[in-house]
Amino acid sequence: MVNHGVPVGAMDAMLEATRRFHEQATEEKKGLYSGDGRLKVRFTSNVPTRESDVGCWRDILTCVFQDDSLDPQILPPVCRKEAIEYVKQMIKLRETMAELLSEALGLTSDYLSNIECMKSEALSCLYYPFCPQPNLTMGNAQHSDPTFLTVLLQDHKICGLQIRHQNQLVDVPPVHGTLIANIGDLMQIISNDKFKSVEHRVLAQPIGPRLSVACFFHPSTNAISKPFGTIKELLSEKNPPLYREFLVHEYIAYYKLNYGLIASALPHYRL
């Protein structure tokens, strides 16, 4: 995406803040290290927590802004200011994209905003360090996102992202000042396959480090307790629902249980 309205300065600052956090001494980061997905701020590394897990060559700082908010005091000071500003910019962009996506489905421009399917953000600050044997692992295994929408900011110096296009994995060269919008699984479901989720992966880096920042959009607290399914206004006798209804937490739990073992959780929910 170009002409997205997010200042290039805010994007560059977020990438630099990601670098500062990850390149701190281990002692500075270890207090945030946890595999507990319920924590609003946590640091994880490439060590699998279960025997069946895929160990990806990356480190991640995750910050969850539930209902667009997060206590700034629990954010690491080394990247606090930049993360807060960047999420503000993502919220503005989200509203524009929600309107465009709603209109593309033939709905009123405020439809997706009204069902609050993208009212919370999970900011993942990713760091892919130099890998001495990149042919033996991945930076990130092939997958599609269990989100409604993902907006990705790439390091403009080092390539690594690949998406599946026409049944082939193709490079997505980084371009400074641009953002990438990936449709997630949940958007594919509620649109009844009108929008398609993007399968992608990240190669391990023979040079590095590579930086990226992904903003995952999830439902609000109010919406997350309600079942999601195909938007009723899109259905007809000629266009019946392709997926069963589900609770978002059930979908994400199934996705996490099978991460690295399957490329997508969508078939599990298809009627």
Protein backbone atom coordinates (compact mmCIF):
# COMPACT_ATOMS: atom_id res chain seq x y z
CA MET A 1 0.00 0.00 0.00
CA VAL A 2 1.10 3.53 -0.82
CA ASN A 3 -0.67 6.78 0.04
CA HIS A 4 -1.80 5.11 3.27
CA GLY A 5 -1.41 8.22 5.44
CA VAL A 6 1.04 6.71 7.94
CA PRO A 7 4.09 9.02 8.23
CA VAL A 8 7.27 7.39 6.99
CA GLY A 9 8.99 8.81 10.08
CA ALA A 10 6.65 6.85 12.37
CA MET A 11 7.32 3.67 10.37
CA ASP A 12 11.11 4.07 10.44
CA ALA A 13 10.97 4.89 14.17
CA MET A 14 8.97 1.73 14.87
CA LEU A 15 11.49 -0.44 13.05
CA GLU A 16 14.37 1.21 14.88
CA ALA A 17 12.58 0.75 18.22
CA THR A 18 12.13 -2.94 17.34
CA ARG A 19 15.87 -3.19 16.75
CA ARG A 20 16.67 -1.44 20.05
CA PHE A 21 14.47 -3.79 22.04
CA HIS A 22 15.84 -6.99 20.53
CA GLU A 23 19.47 -5.91 20.60
CA GLN A 24 19.40 -5.21 24.33
CA ALA A 25 21.32 -7.52 26.62
CA THR A 26 19.45 -10.73 27.49
CA GLU A 27 19.28 -9.55 31.08
CA GLU A 28 17.13 -6.59 30.02
CA LYS A 29 14.62 -8.74 28.11
CA LYS A 30 14.30 -11.89 30.16
CA GLY A 31 11.70 -10.44 32.54
CA LEU A 32 9.24 -10.32 29.63
CA TYR A 33 10.05 -13.81 28.35
CA SER A 34 6.95 -16.02 28.50
CA GLY A 35 4.90 -18.53 26.54
CA ASP A 36 1.70 -17.39 28.26
CA GLY A 37 -0.52 -16.04 25.48
CA ARG A 38 -2.77 -14.29 28.00
CA LEU A 39 -0.13 -11.68 28.82
CA LYS A 40 -0.59 -8.28 27.19
CA VAL A 41 3.16 -7.82 26.69
CA ARG A 42 5.49 -10.76 26.22
CA PHE A 43 8.77 -11.74 24.59
CA THR A 44 9.20 -15.11 22.88
CA SER A 45 12.09 -16.69 21.05
CA ASN A 46 12.64 -19.54 18.61
CA VAL A 47 12.75 -22.37 21.13
CA PRO A 48 9.71 -24.68 20.69
CA THR A 49 7.62 -25.13 23.84
CA ARG A 50 6.22 -28.51 22.72
CA GLU A 51 7.75 -31.47 20.90
CA SER A 52 5.36 -30.97 17.96
CA ASP A 53 6.11 -27.25 17.57
CA VAL A 54 8.13 -25.82 14.73
CA GLY A 55 11.16 -23.89 15.96
CA CYS A 56 11.37 -20.74 13.81
CA TRP A 57 14.55 -18.63 13.66
CA ARG A 58 13.13 -15.40 15.11
CA ASP A 59 12.42 -13.41 18.26
CA ILE A 60 9.11 -11.61 18.88
CA LEU A 61 7.93 -8.84 21.19
CA THR A 62 4.11 -8.91 21.28
CA CYS A 63 1.98 -6.04 22.65
CA VAL A 64 -1.81 -6.51 22.75
CA PHE A 65 -3.97 -3.38 22.60
CA GLN A 66 -7.37 -4.79 23.58
CA ASP A 67 -10.15 -2.39 22.52
CA ASP A 68 -7.45 -0.04 21.20
CA SER A 69 -5.84 0.45 24.61
CA LEU A 70 -2.91 -0.81 26.67
CA ASP A 71 -1.40 0.52 29.90
CA PRO A 72 1.74 2.26 28.59
CA GLN A 73 3.62 1.49 31.79
CA ILE A 74 3.81 -2.22 30.91
CA LEU A 75 5.42 -1.50 27.55
CA PRO A 76 9.24 -1.72 27.49
CA PRO A 77 10.61 1.83 27.94
CA VAL A 78 13.07 1.31 25.08
CA CYS A 79 10.22 1.21 22.53
CA ARG A 80 7.22 2.60 24.45
CA LYS A 81 6.86 5.95 22.71
CA GLU A 82 7.22 4.51 19.22
CA ALA A 83 4.80 1.62 19.81
CA ILE A 84 2.06 3.92 21.16
CA GLU A 85 2.41 6.32 18.22
CA TYR A 86 2.51 3.51 15.66
CA VAL A 87 -0.67 1.89 17.00
CA LYS A 88 -2.43 5.28 16.83
CA GLN A 89 -1.51 5.39 13.15
CA MET A 90 -2.70 1.80 12.65
CA ILE A 91 -6.09 2.63 14.20
CA LYS A 92 -6.55 5.50 11.74
CA LEU A 93 -5.58 3.26 8.83
CA ARG A 94 -7.88 0.50 10.08
CA GLU A 95 -10.91 2.77 9.88
CA THR A 96 -10.12 3.66 6.27
CA MET A 97 -9.56 0.03 5.33
CA ALA A 98 -12.74 -1.10 7.12
CA GLU A 99 -14.71 1.33 4.95
CA LEU A 100 -13.04 0.17 1.75
CA LEU A 101 -13.50 -3.52 2.57
CA SER A 102 -17.15 -2.98 3.52
CA GLU A 103 -17.85 -1.19 0.26
CA ALA A 104 -16.00 -3.87 -1.72
CA LEU A 105 -18.45 -6.42 -0.28
CA GLY A 106 -21.40 -4.27 -1.36
CA LEU A 107 -22.23 -3.27 2.22
CA THR A 108 -22.56 0.10 3.91
CA SER A 109 -19.20 1.75 4.54
CA ASP A 110 -19.55 1.41 8.33
CA TYR A 111 -20.54 -2.28 8.33
CA LEU A 112 -17.26 -3.85 9.50
CA SER A 113 -16.76 -1.10 12.08
CA ASN A 114 -20.26 -1.71 13.47
CA ILE A 115 -19.65 -5.42 14.04
CA GLU A 116 -16.34 -4.50 15.75
CA CYS A 117 -14.38 -7.27 14.07
CA MET A 118 -11.15 -5.20 13.94
CA LYS A 119 -11.26 -3.16 17.17
CA SER A 120 -8.23 -4.67 18.94
CA GLU A 121 -4.60 -4.81 17.85
CA ALA A 122 -1.75 -7.18 18.54
CA LEU A 123 1.56 -5.58 17.61
CA SER A 124 4.31 -8.10 16.87
CA CYS A 125 7.82 -6.67 16.65
CA LEU A 126 9.82 -9.35 14.84
CA TYR A 127 13.57 -9.81 14.72
CA TYR A 128 15.10 -12.42 12.40
CA PRO A 129 18.78 -12.75 13.37
CA PHE A 130 21.58 -14.07 11.20
CA CYS A 131 21.13 -17.83 10.67
CA PRO A 132 24.28 -19.88 9.99
CA GLN A 133 22.32 -22.68 8.25
CA PRO A 134 19.23 -21.08 6.67
CA ASN A 135 18.52 -24.18 4.57
CA LEU A 136 17.68 -26.13 7.75
CA THR A 137 14.96 -23.92 9.20
CA MET A 138 12.54 -21.06 8.49
CA GLY A 139 12.24 -17.56 9.82
CA ASN A 140 8.50 -18.23 9.99
CA ALA A 141 6.73 -21.39 8.84
CA GLN A 142 4.20 -21.21 6.02
CA HIS A 143 0.82 -20.15 7.38
CA SER A 144 -2.13 -17.82 6.99
CA ASP A 145 -3.06 -15.44 9.79
CA PRO A 146 -5.99 -16.21 12.16
CA THR A 147 -7.03 -12.57 11.97
CA PHE A 148 -9.45 -10.35 10.13
CA LEU A 149 -6.64 -8.21 8.74
CA THR A 150 -2.88 -7.93 9.14
CA VAL A 151 -0.87 -4.82 8.24
CA LEU A 152 2.83 -5.51 7.84
CA LEU A 153 5.76 -3.11 7.93
CA GLN A 154 8.92 -4.62 6.41
CA ASP A 155 12.55 -3.71 6.82
CA HIS A 156 13.24 -2.11 3.43
CA LYS A 157 16.80 -3.42 3.27
CA ILE A 158 16.45 -7.21 3.53
CA CYS A 159 13.98 -9.42 1.67
CA GLY A 160 12.59 -12.61 3.20
CA LEU A 161 8.79 -12.54 2.95
CA GLN A 162 7.17 -14.89 0.44
CA ILE A 163 3.47 -15.35 -0.37
CA ARG A 164 1.65 -18.12 -2.21
CA HIS A 165 0.42 -16.76 -5.53
CA GLN A 166 -0.99 -18.98 -8.28
CA ASN A 167 0.24 -22.01 -6.35
CA GLN A 168 3.82 -20.75 -6.20
CA LEU A 169 5.79 -19.05 -3.43
CA VAL A 170 6.98 -15.67 -4.68
CA ASP A 171 9.14 -12.99 -3.05
CA VAL A 172 7.59 -9.76 -1.80
CA PRO A 173 10.43 -7.25 -2.23
CA PRO A 174 10.45 -4.57 0.49
CA VAL A 175 9.83 -1.00 -0.65
CA HIS A 176 10.58 1.84 1.74
CA GLY A 177 7.51 3.75 2.88
CA THR A 178 5.00 1.07 1.92
CA LEU A 179 2.82 -1.26 3.99
CA ILE A 180 1.44 -4.70 3.15
CA ALA A 181 -2.18 -5.63 3.89
CA ASN A 182 -2.88 -9.34 4.30
CA ILE A 183 -6.43 -10.64 4.48
CA GLY A 184 -6.73 -13.09 7.38
CA ASP A 185 -8.67 -16.34 7.77
CA LEU A 186 -11.51 -14.72 9.69
CA MET A 187 -12.14 -12.18 6.94
CA GLN A 188 -12.26 -14.97 4.37
CA ILE A 189 -14.89 -16.77 6.47
CA ILE A 190 -17.19 -13.82 7.08
CA SER A 191 -16.93 -12.76 3.41
CA ASN A 192 -17.79 -16.30 2.26
CA ASP A 193 -14.56 -16.55 0.25
CA LYS A 194 -15.02 -13.18 -1.50
CA PHE A 195 -11.76 -12.18 0.18
CA LYS A 196 -8.99 -14.75 0.30
CA SER A 197 -6.58 -15.25 3.19
CA VAL A 198 -2.90 -15.06 2.24
CA GLU A 199 -0.57 -17.99 2.86
CA HIS A 200 2.96 -16.72 3.50
CA ARG A 201 6.28 -17.56 5.10
CA VAL A 202 9.57 -15.88 5.99
CA LEU A 203 12.94 -17.30 5.00
CA ALA A 204 15.72 -17.63 7.57
CA GLN A 205 18.37 -14.99 7.02
CA PRO A 206 21.91 -15.76 5.77
CA ILE A 207 22.50 -12.07 6.40
CA GLY A 208 20.80 -10.03 9.03
CA PRO A 209 19.15 -9.07 11.12
CA ARG A 210 15.83 -8.57 9.31
CA LEU A 211 13.14 -6.51 11.06
CA SER A 212 9.38 -6.34 10.59
CA VAL A 213 6.34 -5.16 12.52
CA ALA A 214 2.97 -6.88 12.07
CA CYS A 215 -0.26 -5.35 13.34
CA PHE A 216 -2.93 -8.03 13.70
CA PHE A 217 -6.52 -6.83 13.92
CA HIS A 218 -8.89 -8.80 16.18
CA PRO A 219 -12.45 -8.29 17.52
CA SER A 220 -13.32 -6.04 20.42
CA THR A 221 -14.05 -7.45 23.88
CA ASN A 222 -17.74 -6.99 23.15
CA ALA A 223 -17.61 -8.83 19.82
CA ILE A 224 -15.24 -11.63 20.79
CA SER A 225 -17.89 -13.36 22.94
CA LYS A 226 -20.33 -13.58 20.00
CA PRO A 227 -20.27 -16.27 17.30
CA PHE A 228 -18.90 -15.21 13.94
CA GLY A 229 -20.03 -16.65 10.61
CA THR A 230 -20.65 -15.52 7.07
CA ILE A 231 -22.22 -12.04 6.86
CA LYS A 232 -25.95 -12.67 6.41
CA GLU A 233 -26.33 -9.90 3.82
CA LEU A 234 -23.97 -11.82 1.50
CA LEU A 235 -26.01 -15.04 1.54
CA SER A 236 -28.68 -16.24 -0.87
CA GLU A 237 -29.92 -19.49 -2.39
CA LYS A 238 -27.18 -19.22 -4.99
CA ASN A 239 -24.60 -18.22 -2.39
CA PRO A 240 -25.06 -20.43 0.69
CA PRO A 241 -22.64 -20.22 3.65
CA LEU A 242 -19.36 -22.06 3.13
CA TYR A 243 -18.34 -22.09 6.82
CA ARG A 244 -19.92 -22.92 10.15
CA GLU A 245 -20.24 -20.37 12.91
CA PHE A 246 -17.50 -20.26 15.54
CA LEU A 247 -16.15 -18.32 18.48
CA VAL A 248 -12.91 -16.50 17.72
CA HIS A 249 -11.06 -17.96 20.71
CA GLU A 250 -11.93 -21.47 19.49
CA TYR A 251 -10.52 -20.71 16.06
CA ILE A 252 -7.29 -19.27 17.45
CA ALA A 253 -6.86 -22.19 19.89
CA TYR A 254 -7.18 -24.69 17.03
CA TYR A 255 -4.77 -22.63 14.92
CA LYS A 256 -2.13 -22.49 17.67
CA LEU A 257 -2.46 -26.20 18.39
CA ASN A 258 -1.67 -26.98 14.77
CA TYR A 259 0.74 -24.15 13.92
CA GLY A 260 3.53 -25.40 11.68
CA LEU A 261 1.67 -28.66 11.04
CA ILE A 262 -0.97 -27.20 8.70
CA ALA A 263 -0.82 -24.13 6.47
CA SER A 264 -4.38 -23.04 7.27
CA ALA A 265 -7.15 -23.74 9.78
CA LEU A 266 -9.84 -22.82 7.24
CA PRO A 267 -10.66 -26.41 6.10
CA HIS A 268 -11.53 -27.33 9.70
CA TYR A 269 -14.40 -24.80 9.66
CA ARG A 270 -15.66 -25.33 6.11
CA LEU A 271 -19.12 -26.86 5.79
